[in-house]
Amino acid sequence: MYRISMRLLVSLFGVLAISGAGLGAVLINEVELNPPGDAVEWVELYNSGAEMVDISGWRVEIVDSDPTWTGSIRIFPGNAILAGGFYVAEGDTNWLHDTGRGIVILKTRDGIEMDKTHLLIDQSDNIFTNSRFPNGVDTDQRSDWVFGKGTKNAVNS
């Protein structure tokens, strides 16, 4: 019983420490699931917080359910997002899936899920993307997202 309570307490302090560090301010802001030509898929992250956030070692995962496939993008050491800033994580040219649909998940280096989209669909094969509008809006509703002209590494319009 004592071990379970101690684990729960340690987990709670870990969550509080992450919340206090401002990590909750980084979220998935724009997603290109079906780029034109031979371009790669990409996911834009946005820091809506008041302080810079170190995202070294974080991961962005694109999960395609038809067929089951996951593309994982590792964010390398030395990367941070300034307050109000962006970071674009790019996929791999060797990824073999082409459905233009997926759920995107953002995880910290410790595997804590920081953000997750609903199923996003992009059958356009052009520069249109799924994006939060305005930047950083996060009410956990499908209405947070719009489909329109991509604004990679810039304010969504």
N, C-alpha and C. Protein backbone atom coordinates (compact mmCIF):
# COMPACT_ATOMS: atom_id res chain seq x y z
N MET A 1 0.82 -1.19 0.00
CA MET A 1 0.00 0.00 0.00
C MET A 1 0.87 1.26 0.00
N TYR A 2 1.93 1.25 0.81
CA TYR A 2 2.82 2.41 0.91
C TYR A 2 3.49 2.70 -0.43
N ARG A 3 3.91 1.66 -1.18
CA ARG A 3 4.55 1.86 -2.47
C ARG A 3 3.60 2.51 -3.46
N ILE A 4 2.37 2.06 -3.49
CA ILE A 4 1.39 2.63 -4.41
C ILE A 4 1.16 4.10 -4.08
N SER A 5 1.01 4.43 -2.82
CA SER A 5 0.79 5.81 -2.41
C SER A 5 2.00 6.67 -2.75
N MET A 6 3.20 6.14 -2.53
CA MET A 6 4.41 6.88 -2.83
C MET A 6 4.54 7.11 -4.33
N ARG A 7 4.21 6.12 -5.16
CA ARG A 7 4.25 6.29 -6.62
C ARG A 7 3.26 7.35 -7.06
N LEU A 8 2.08 7.32 -6.48
CA LEU A 8 1.05 8.30 -6.81
C LEU A 8 1.53 9.70 -6.46
N LEU A 9 2.14 9.84 -5.31
CA LEU A 9 2.65 11.13 -4.86
C LEU A 9 3.77 11.63 -5.77
N VAL A 10 4.69 10.76 -6.14
CA VAL A 10 5.78 11.13 -7.04
C VAL A 10 5.22 11.53 -8.40
N SER A 11 4.25 10.79 -8.91
CA SER A 11 3.62 11.13 -10.19
C SER A 11 2.94 12.48 -10.13
N LEU A 12 2.24 12.74 -9.03
CA LEU A 12 1.55 14.01 -8.86
C LEU A 12 2.54 15.16 -8.86
N PHE A 13 3.64 15.02 -8.13
CA PHE A 13 4.65 16.07 -8.10
C PHE A 13 5.27 16.27 -9.49
N GLY A 14 5.44 15.19 -10.23
CA GLY A 14 5.97 15.30 -11.59
C GLY A 14 5.06 16.11 -12.49
N VAL A 15 3.77 15.85 -12.41
CA VAL A 15 2.80 16.60 -13.21
C VAL A 15 2.80 18.07 -12.79
N LEU A 16 2.83 18.32 -11.48
CA LEU A 16 2.85 19.70 -11.00
C LEU A 16 4.12 20.41 -11.43
N ALA A 17 5.24 19.72 -11.42
CA ALA A 17 6.50 20.33 -11.85
C ALA A 17 6.45 20.70 -13.32
N ILE A 18 5.88 19.82 -14.15
CA ILE A 18 5.76 20.10 -15.57
C ILE A 18 4.84 21.29 -15.79
N SER A 19 3.71 21.31 -15.09
CA SER A 19 2.78 22.43 -15.23
C SER A 19 3.44 23.72 -14.80
N GLY A 20 4.18 23.69 -13.73
CA GLY A 20 4.85 24.88 -13.24
C GLY A 20 5.96 25.35 -14.15
N ALA A 21 6.53 24.45 -14.93
CA ALA A 21 7.62 24.82 -15.83
C ALA A 21 7.12 25.44 -17.11
N GLY A 22 5.81 25.49 -17.31
CA GLY A 22 5.26 26.12 -18.50
C GLY A 22 5.22 25.21 -19.72
N LEU A 23 5.46 23.92 -19.55
CA LEU A 23 5.48 23.02 -20.69
C LEU A 23 4.12 22.89 -21.36
N GLY A 24 3.05 23.12 -20.60
CA GLY A 24 1.71 23.00 -21.15
C GLY A 24 1.41 24.04 -22.21
N ALA A 25 2.30 25.03 -22.38
CA ALA A 25 2.07 26.09 -23.35
C ALA A 25 2.41 25.67 -24.78
N VAL A 26 3.16 24.59 -24.98
CA VAL A 26 3.53 24.15 -26.32
C VAL A 26 2.47 23.19 -26.83
N LEU A 27 1.97 23.46 -28.04
CA LEU A 27 0.94 22.60 -28.62
C LEU A 27 1.11 22.48 -30.11
N ILE A 28 0.38 21.53 -30.68
CA ILE A 28 0.36 21.31 -32.13
C ILE A 28 -0.48 22.44 -32.72
N ASN A 29 0.07 23.16 -33.69
CA ASN A 29 -0.60 24.34 -34.20
C ASN A 29 -1.01 24.23 -35.67
N GLU A 30 -0.25 23.45 -36.45
CA GLU A 30 -0.55 23.30 -37.88
C GLU A 30 0.01 21.98 -38.36
N VAL A 31 -0.70 21.31 -39.28
CA VAL A 31 -0.29 19.99 -39.75
C VAL A 31 -0.47 19.88 -41.26
N GLU A 32 0.59 19.45 -41.93
CA GLU A 32 0.53 19.16 -43.37
C GLU A 32 0.64 17.65 -43.54
N LEU A 33 -0.49 17.00 -43.83
CA LEU A 33 -0.54 15.55 -43.96
C LEU A 33 -0.45 15.07 -45.41
N ASN A 34 -0.63 15.97 -46.37
CA ASN A 34 -0.64 15.56 -47.77
C ASN A 34 0.00 16.66 -48.62
N PRO A 35 1.33 16.81 -48.48
CA PRO A 35 2.00 17.89 -49.20
C PRO A 35 2.07 17.62 -50.70
N PRO A 36 2.22 18.67 -51.50
CA PRO A 36 2.31 18.48 -52.95
C PRO A 36 3.63 17.82 -53.36
N GLY A 37 3.58 17.08 -54.44
CA GLY A 37 4.80 16.48 -55.00
C GLY A 37 5.52 15.57 -54.04
N ASP A 38 6.85 15.73 -53.97
CA ASP A 38 7.69 14.89 -53.12
C ASP A 38 8.00 15.53 -51.77
N ALA A 39 7.27 16.58 -51.43
CA ALA A 39 7.52 17.25 -50.15
C ALA A 39 7.15 16.32 -48.99
N VAL A 40 7.68 16.61 -47.80
CA VAL A 40 7.43 15.77 -46.63
C VAL A 40 6.32 16.35 -45.77
N GLU A 41 5.70 15.46 -45.01
CA GLU A 41 4.71 15.89 -44.04
C GLU A 41 5.41 16.69 -42.95
N TRP A 42 4.71 17.62 -42.34
CA TRP A 42 5.30 18.40 -41.26
C TRP A 42 4.24 18.81 -40.25
N VAL A 43 4.74 19.09 -39.05
CA VAL A 43 3.89 19.50 -37.94
C VAL A 43 4.52 20.74 -37.31
N GLU A 44 3.74 21.79 -37.21
CA GLU A 44 4.21 23.02 -36.58
C GLU A 44 3.77 23.05 -35.12
N LEU A 45 4.72 23.34 -34.23
CA LEU A 45 4.43 23.50 -32.82
C LEU A 45 4.43 25.00 -32.51
N TYR A 46 3.66 25.38 -31.49
CA TYR A 46 3.54 26.79 -31.11
C TYR A 46 3.62 26.91 -29.61
N ASN A 47 4.37 27.89 -29.13
CA ASN A 47 4.48 28.16 -27.70
C ASN A 47 3.60 29.35 -27.36
N SER A 48 2.46 29.09 -26.76
CA SER A 48 1.54 30.16 -26.40
C SER A 48 1.84 30.73 -25.02
N GLY A 49 2.88 30.23 -24.37
CA GLY A 49 3.24 30.67 -23.03
C GLY A 49 4.08 31.94 -23.03
N ALA A 50 4.44 32.37 -21.83
CA ALA A 50 5.19 33.61 -21.64
C ALA A 50 6.69 33.38 -21.54
N GLU A 51 7.12 32.11 -21.54
CA GLU A 51 8.55 31.80 -21.41
C GLU A 51 8.98 30.80 -22.47
N MET A 52 10.27 30.83 -22.78
CA MET A 52 10.85 29.87 -23.72
C MET A 52 10.71 28.46 -23.14
N VAL A 53 10.50 27.47 -24.01
CA VAL A 53 10.38 26.08 -23.58
C VAL A 53 11.39 25.24 -24.36
N ASP A 54 12.22 24.49 -23.64
CA ASP A 54 13.18 23.57 -24.25
C ASP A 54 12.42 22.31 -24.67
N ILE A 55 12.46 22.00 -25.96
CA ILE A 55 11.74 20.82 -26.47
C ILE A 55 12.70 19.72 -26.90
N SER A 56 13.95 19.81 -26.47
CA SER A 56 14.95 18.78 -26.79
C SER A 56 14.46 17.40 -26.38
N GLY A 57 14.54 16.45 -27.29
CA GLY A 57 14.16 15.08 -26.99
C GLY A 57 12.67 14.79 -27.09
N TRP A 58 11.84 15.80 -27.36
CA TRP A 58 10.41 15.56 -27.52
C TRP A 58 10.17 14.80 -28.82
N ARG A 59 8.96 14.28 -28.99
CA ARG A 59 8.59 13.55 -30.21
C ARG A 59 7.23 14.02 -30.70
N VAL A 60 7.11 14.03 -32.02
CA VAL A 60 5.84 14.26 -32.67
C VAL A 60 5.51 12.96 -33.39
N GLU A 61 4.32 12.44 -33.17
CA GLU A 61 3.91 11.20 -33.84
C GLU A 61 2.69 11.46 -34.69
N ILE A 62 2.74 10.95 -35.92
CA ILE A 62 1.57 10.98 -36.80
C ILE A 62 1.07 9.55 -36.88
N VAL A 63 -0.14 9.32 -36.42
CA VAL A 63 -0.71 7.97 -36.38
C VAL A 63 -1.80 7.87 -37.43
N ASP A 64 -1.59 6.99 -38.38
CA ASP A 64 -2.53 6.74 -39.48
C ASP A 64 -3.22 5.41 -39.19
N SER A 65 -4.53 5.41 -39.18
CA SER A 65 -5.26 4.19 -38.81
C SER A 65 -5.65 3.35 -40.02
N ASP A 66 -5.33 3.78 -41.22
CA ASP A 66 -5.78 3.03 -42.39
C ASP A 66 -4.69 3.00 -43.45
N PRO A 67 -3.77 2.08 -43.48
CA PRO A 67 -3.56 1.00 -42.51
C PRO A 67 -2.86 1.55 -41.27
N THR A 68 -2.76 0.72 -40.24
CA THR A 68 -2.11 1.15 -39.01
C THR A 68 -0.64 1.45 -39.29
N TRP A 69 -0.25 2.68 -39.00
CA TRP A 69 1.10 3.16 -39.28
C TRP A 69 1.38 4.35 -38.37
N THR A 70 2.61 4.47 -37.90
CA THR A 70 2.99 5.63 -37.10
C THR A 70 4.32 6.17 -37.59
N GLY A 71 4.34 7.46 -37.88
CA GLY A 71 5.57 8.15 -38.23
C GLY A 71 6.00 8.97 -37.02
N SER A 72 7.23 8.80 -36.60
CA SER A 72 7.72 9.48 -35.40
C SER A 72 8.82 10.46 -35.79
N ILE A 73 8.69 11.69 -35.30
CA ILE A 73 9.67 12.73 -35.57
C ILE A 73 10.33 13.10 -34.24
N ARG A 74 11.62 12.86 -34.15
CA ARG A 74 12.36 13.18 -32.93
C ARG A 74 12.88 14.61 -33.02
N ILE A 75 12.72 15.36 -31.95
CA ILE A 75 13.26 16.71 -31.88
C ILE A 75 14.62 16.62 -31.20
N PHE A 76 15.66 17.03 -31.89
CA PHE A 76 17.02 16.85 -31.41
C PHE A 76 17.40 17.84 -30.32
N PRO A 77 18.44 17.51 -29.55
CA PRO A 77 18.90 18.41 -28.48
C PRO A 77 19.24 19.80 -29.01
N GLY A 78 19.04 20.78 -28.14
CA GLY A 78 19.37 22.15 -28.49
C GLY A 78 18.23 22.92 -29.12
N ASN A 79 17.03 22.35 -29.14
CA ASN A 79 15.89 23.03 -29.73
C ASN A 79 14.96 23.55 -28.64
N ALA A 80 14.56 24.78 -28.80
CA ALA A 80 13.64 25.43 -27.88
C ALA A 80 12.70 26.33 -28.69
N ILE A 81 11.56 26.65 -28.10
CA ILE A 81 10.61 27.55 -28.75
C ILE A 81 10.46 28.78 -27.86
N LEU A 82 10.72 29.95 -28.43
CA LEU A 82 10.53 31.19 -27.69
C LEU A 82 9.04 31.41 -27.42
N ALA A 83 8.73 32.23 -26.44
CA ALA A 83 7.33 32.60 -26.17
C ALA A 83 6.74 33.20 -27.44
N GLY A 84 5.58 32.68 -27.87
CA GLY A 84 4.94 33.16 -29.09
C GLY A 84 5.61 32.67 -30.36
N GLY A 85 6.55 31.72 -30.23
CA GLY A 85 7.31 31.24 -31.37
C GLY A 85 6.85 29.90 -31.90
N PHE A 86 7.47 29.50 -33.01
CA PHE A 86 7.11 28.27 -33.71
C PHE A 86 8.32 27.35 -33.85
N TYR A 87 8.03 26.07 -34.05
CA TYR A 87 9.04 25.08 -34.41
C TYR A 87 8.37 24.12 -35.37
N VAL A 88 9.03 23.82 -36.51
CA VAL A 88 8.46 22.90 -37.49
C VAL A 88 9.24 21.59 -37.45
N ALA A 89 8.52 20.50 -37.17
CA ALA A 89 9.08 19.15 -37.17
C ALA A 89 8.70 18.50 -38.51
N GLU A 90 9.71 18.08 -39.25
CA GLU A 90 9.47 17.52 -40.58
C GLU A 90 9.61 16.02 -40.59
N GLY A 91 8.74 15.37 -41.34
CA GLY A 91 8.74 13.91 -41.47
C GLY A 91 9.88 13.42 -42.35
N ASP A 92 9.82 12.18 -42.70
CA ASP A 92 10.87 11.51 -43.47
C ASP A 92 10.40 11.28 -44.90
N THR A 93 11.29 11.50 -45.85
CA THR A 93 10.94 11.28 -47.26
C THR A 93 10.69 9.80 -47.56
N ASN A 94 11.14 8.91 -46.69
CA ASN A 94 10.98 7.47 -46.91
C ASN A 94 9.70 6.89 -46.32
N TRP A 95 8.89 7.73 -45.68
CA TRP A 95 7.63 7.22 -45.12
C TRP A 95 6.75 6.68 -46.23
N LEU A 96 6.21 5.47 -46.01
CA LEU A 96 5.37 4.84 -47.02
C LEU A 96 3.93 4.71 -46.52
N HIS A 97 3.22 5.77 -46.65
CA HIS A 97 1.78 5.79 -46.41
C HIS A 97 1.27 7.00 -47.15
N ASP A 98 0.05 6.97 -47.59
CA ASP A 98 -0.44 8.08 -48.40
C ASP A 98 -1.95 8.20 -48.28
N THR A 99 -2.41 8.37 -47.06
CA THR A 99 -3.86 8.47 -46.89
C THR A 99 -4.31 9.90 -46.65
N GLY A 100 -3.40 10.80 -46.27
CA GLY A 100 -3.79 12.17 -45.99
C GLY A 100 -4.69 12.28 -44.77
N ARG A 101 -4.51 11.38 -43.83
CA ARG A 101 -5.32 11.40 -42.62
C ARG A 101 -4.49 10.91 -41.45
N GLY A 102 -4.79 11.41 -40.27
CA GLY A 102 -4.04 10.95 -39.11
C GLY A 102 -4.35 11.74 -37.86
N ILE A 103 -3.90 11.22 -36.76
CA ILE A 103 -3.96 11.87 -35.46
C ILE A 103 -2.53 12.22 -35.11
N VAL A 104 -2.30 13.43 -34.63
CA VAL A 104 -0.95 13.87 -34.30
C VAL A 104 -0.84 14.00 -32.79
N ILE A 105 0.27 13.46 -32.25
CA ILE A 105 0.49 13.46 -30.80
C ILE A 105 1.84 14.09 -30.52
N LEU A 106 1.88 14.97 -29.53
CA LEU A 106 3.12 15.60 -29.08
C LEU A 106 3.46 15.06 -27.71
N LYS A 107 4.69 14.52 -27.57
CA LYS A 107 5.13 13.94 -26.30
C LYS A 107 6.45 14.55 -25.86
N THR A 108 6.60 14.69 -24.54
CA THR A 108 7.86 15.17 -23.98
C THR A 108 8.90 14.06 -24.06
N ARG A 109 10.14 14.39 -23.71
CA ARG A 109 11.22 13.38 -23.72
C ARG A 109 10.92 12.24 -22.75
N ASP A 110 10.06 12.48 -21.75
CA ASP A 110 9.67 11.44 -20.79
C ASP A 110 8.42 10.68 -21.22
N GLY A 111 7.91 10.97 -22.41
CA GLY A 111 6.75 10.26 -22.94
C GLY A 111 5.42 10.81 -22.46
N ILE A 112 5.43 11.96 -21.81
CA ILE A 112 4.18 12.57 -21.34
C ILE A 112 3.50 13.24 -22.53
N GLU A 113 2.23 12.92 -22.74
CA GLU A 113 1.47 13.48 -23.85
C GLU A 113 1.10 14.92 -23.53
N MET A 114 1.59 15.85 -24.35
CA MET A 114 1.32 17.27 -24.13
C MET A 114 0.14 17.77 -24.95
N ASP A 115 -0.07 17.17 -26.12
CA ASP A 115 -1.17 17.59 -26.98
C ASP A 115 -1.50 16.46 -27.94
N LYS A 116 -2.74 16.43 -28.38
CA LYS A 116 -3.19 15.39 -29.32
C LYS A 116 -4.34 15.97 -30.12
N THR A 117 -4.30 15.78 -31.44
CA THR A 117 -5.37 16.27 -32.29
C THR A 117 -6.48 15.22 -32.42
N HIS A 118 -7.61 15.64 -32.91
CA HIS A 118 -8.62 14.69 -33.35
C HIS A 118 -8.15 14.18 -34.72
N LEU A 119 -8.89 13.33 -35.38
CA LEU A 119 -8.52 12.83 -36.70
C LEU A 119 -8.53 14.00 -37.68
N LEU A 120 -7.38 14.25 -38.29
CA LEU A 120 -7.26 15.31 -39.29
C LEU A 120 -7.25 14.67 -40.67
N ILE A 121 -7.90 15.31 -41.62
CA ILE A 121 -7.98 14.78 -42.99
C ILE A 121 -7.52 15.86 -43.96
N ASP A 122 -6.67 15.46 -44.91
CA ASP A 122 -6.16 16.36 -45.95
C ASP A 122 -6.02 15.55 -47.23
N GLN A 123 -7.01 15.63 -48.08
CA GLN A 123 -6.98 14.92 -49.36
C GLN A 123 -6.59 15.85 -50.50
N SER A 124 -6.08 17.02 -50.19
CA SER A 124 -5.88 18.08 -51.18
C SER A 124 -4.64 17.94 -52.06
N ASP A 125 -3.57 17.30 -51.57
CA ASP A 125 -2.32 17.18 -52.32
C ASP A 125 -1.84 18.55 -52.81
N ASN A 126 -1.95 19.57 -51.91
CA ASN A 126 -1.49 20.91 -52.24
C ASN A 126 -0.99 21.59 -50.96
N ILE A 127 -0.94 22.90 -50.94
CA ILE A 127 -0.37 23.62 -49.79
C ILE A 127 -1.39 23.90 -48.69
N PHE A 128 -2.56 23.32 -48.76
CA PHE A 128 -3.55 23.51 -47.71
C PHE A 128 -3.22 22.60 -46.53
N THR A 129 -3.47 23.10 -45.32
CA THR A 129 -3.15 22.39 -44.09
C THR A 129 -4.30 22.48 -43.10
N ASN A 130 -4.22 21.67 -42.07
CA ASN A 130 -5.11 21.80 -40.91
C ASN A 130 -4.37 22.68 -39.91
N SER A 131 -5.03 23.72 -39.41
CA SER A 131 -4.36 24.61 -38.46
C SER A 131 -5.34 25.13 -37.41
N ARG A 132 -4.79 25.44 -36.26
CA ARG A 132 -5.59 26.07 -35.21
C ARG A 132 -5.76 27.54 -35.59
N PHE A 133 -6.97 28.02 -35.39
CA PHE A 133 -7.21 29.43 -35.67
C PHE A 133 -8.10 30.02 -34.61
N PRO A 134 -7.62 31.09 -33.97
CA PRO A 134 -6.29 31.69 -34.12
C PRO A 134 -5.21 30.79 -33.52
N ASN A 135 -3.93 31.17 -33.73
CA ASN A 135 -2.81 30.38 -33.21
C ASN A 135 -3.02 30.04 -31.74
N GLY A 136 -2.76 28.77 -31.41
CA GLY A 136 -2.75 28.35 -30.02
C GLY A 136 -4.10 28.15 -29.37
N VAL A 137 -5.21 28.38 -30.07
CA VAL A 137 -6.52 28.14 -29.45
C VAL A 137 -6.65 26.66 -29.15
N ASP A 138 -7.03 26.32 -27.93
CA ASP A 138 -7.09 24.91 -27.53
C ASP A 138 -8.23 24.69 -26.55
N THR A 139 -9.41 24.49 -27.10
CA THR A 139 -10.58 24.18 -26.27
C THR A 139 -10.93 22.70 -26.35
N ASP A 140 -10.06 21.91 -27.00
CA ASP A 140 -10.28 20.48 -27.22
C ASP A 140 -11.53 20.21 -28.04
N GLN A 141 -11.85 21.12 -28.93
CA GLN A 141 -13.00 20.96 -29.83
C GLN A 141 -12.51 20.92 -31.27
N ARG A 142 -13.24 20.22 -32.10
CA ARG A 142 -12.91 20.16 -33.53
C ARG A 142 -12.95 21.56 -34.13
N SER A 143 -13.75 22.45 -33.57
CA SER A 143 -13.87 23.81 -34.09
C SER A 143 -12.61 24.66 -33.87
N ASP A 144 -11.64 24.16 -33.10
CA ASP A 144 -10.36 24.86 -32.95
C ASP A 144 -9.58 24.84 -34.26
N TRP A 145 -9.93 23.92 -35.16
CA TRP A 145 -9.16 23.67 -36.37
C TRP A 145 -9.90 24.13 -37.62
N VAL A 146 -9.12 24.67 -38.57
CA VAL A 146 -9.64 25.05 -39.88
C VAL A 146 -8.75 24.41 -40.95
N PHE A 147 -9.28 24.28 -42.15
CA PHE A 147 -8.51 23.76 -43.28
C PHE A 147 -8.35 24.90 -44.26
N GLY A 148 -7.11 25.30 -44.52
CA GLY A 148 -6.88 26.43 -45.42
C GLY A 148 -5.42 26.50 -45.84
N LYS A 149 -5.08 27.62 -46.47
CA LYS A 149 -3.72 27.82 -46.99
C LYS A 149 -2.70 27.72 -45.87
N GLY A 150 -1.67 26.90 -46.09
CA GLY A 150 -0.64 26.67 -45.09
C GLY A 150 0.17 27.93 -44.80
N THR A 151 0.59 28.04 -43.53
CA THR A 151 1.40 29.18 -43.09
C THR A 151 2.57 28.65 -42.27
N LYS A 152 3.31 27.75 -42.85
CA LYS A 152 4.41 27.07 -42.16
C LYS A 152 5.35 28.06 -41.47
N ASN A 153 5.52 27.86 -40.16
CA ASN A 153 6.43 28.67 -39.35
C ASN A 153 6.02 30.14 -39.26
N ALA A 154 4.72 30.40 -39.37
CA ALA A 154 4.20 31.77 -39.30
C ALA A 154 2.79 31.76 -38.70
N VAL A 155 2.28 32.93 -38.45
CA VAL A 155 0.93 33.10 -37.89
C VAL A 155 -0.11 32.52 -38.83
N ASN A 156 -1.04 31.72 -38.30
CA ASN A 156 -2.11 31.14 -39.11
C ASN A 156 -3.11 32.24 -39.50
N SER A 157 -3.54 32.17 -40.75
CA SER A 157 -4.48 33.19 -41.23
C SER A 157 -5.68 32.54 -41.88
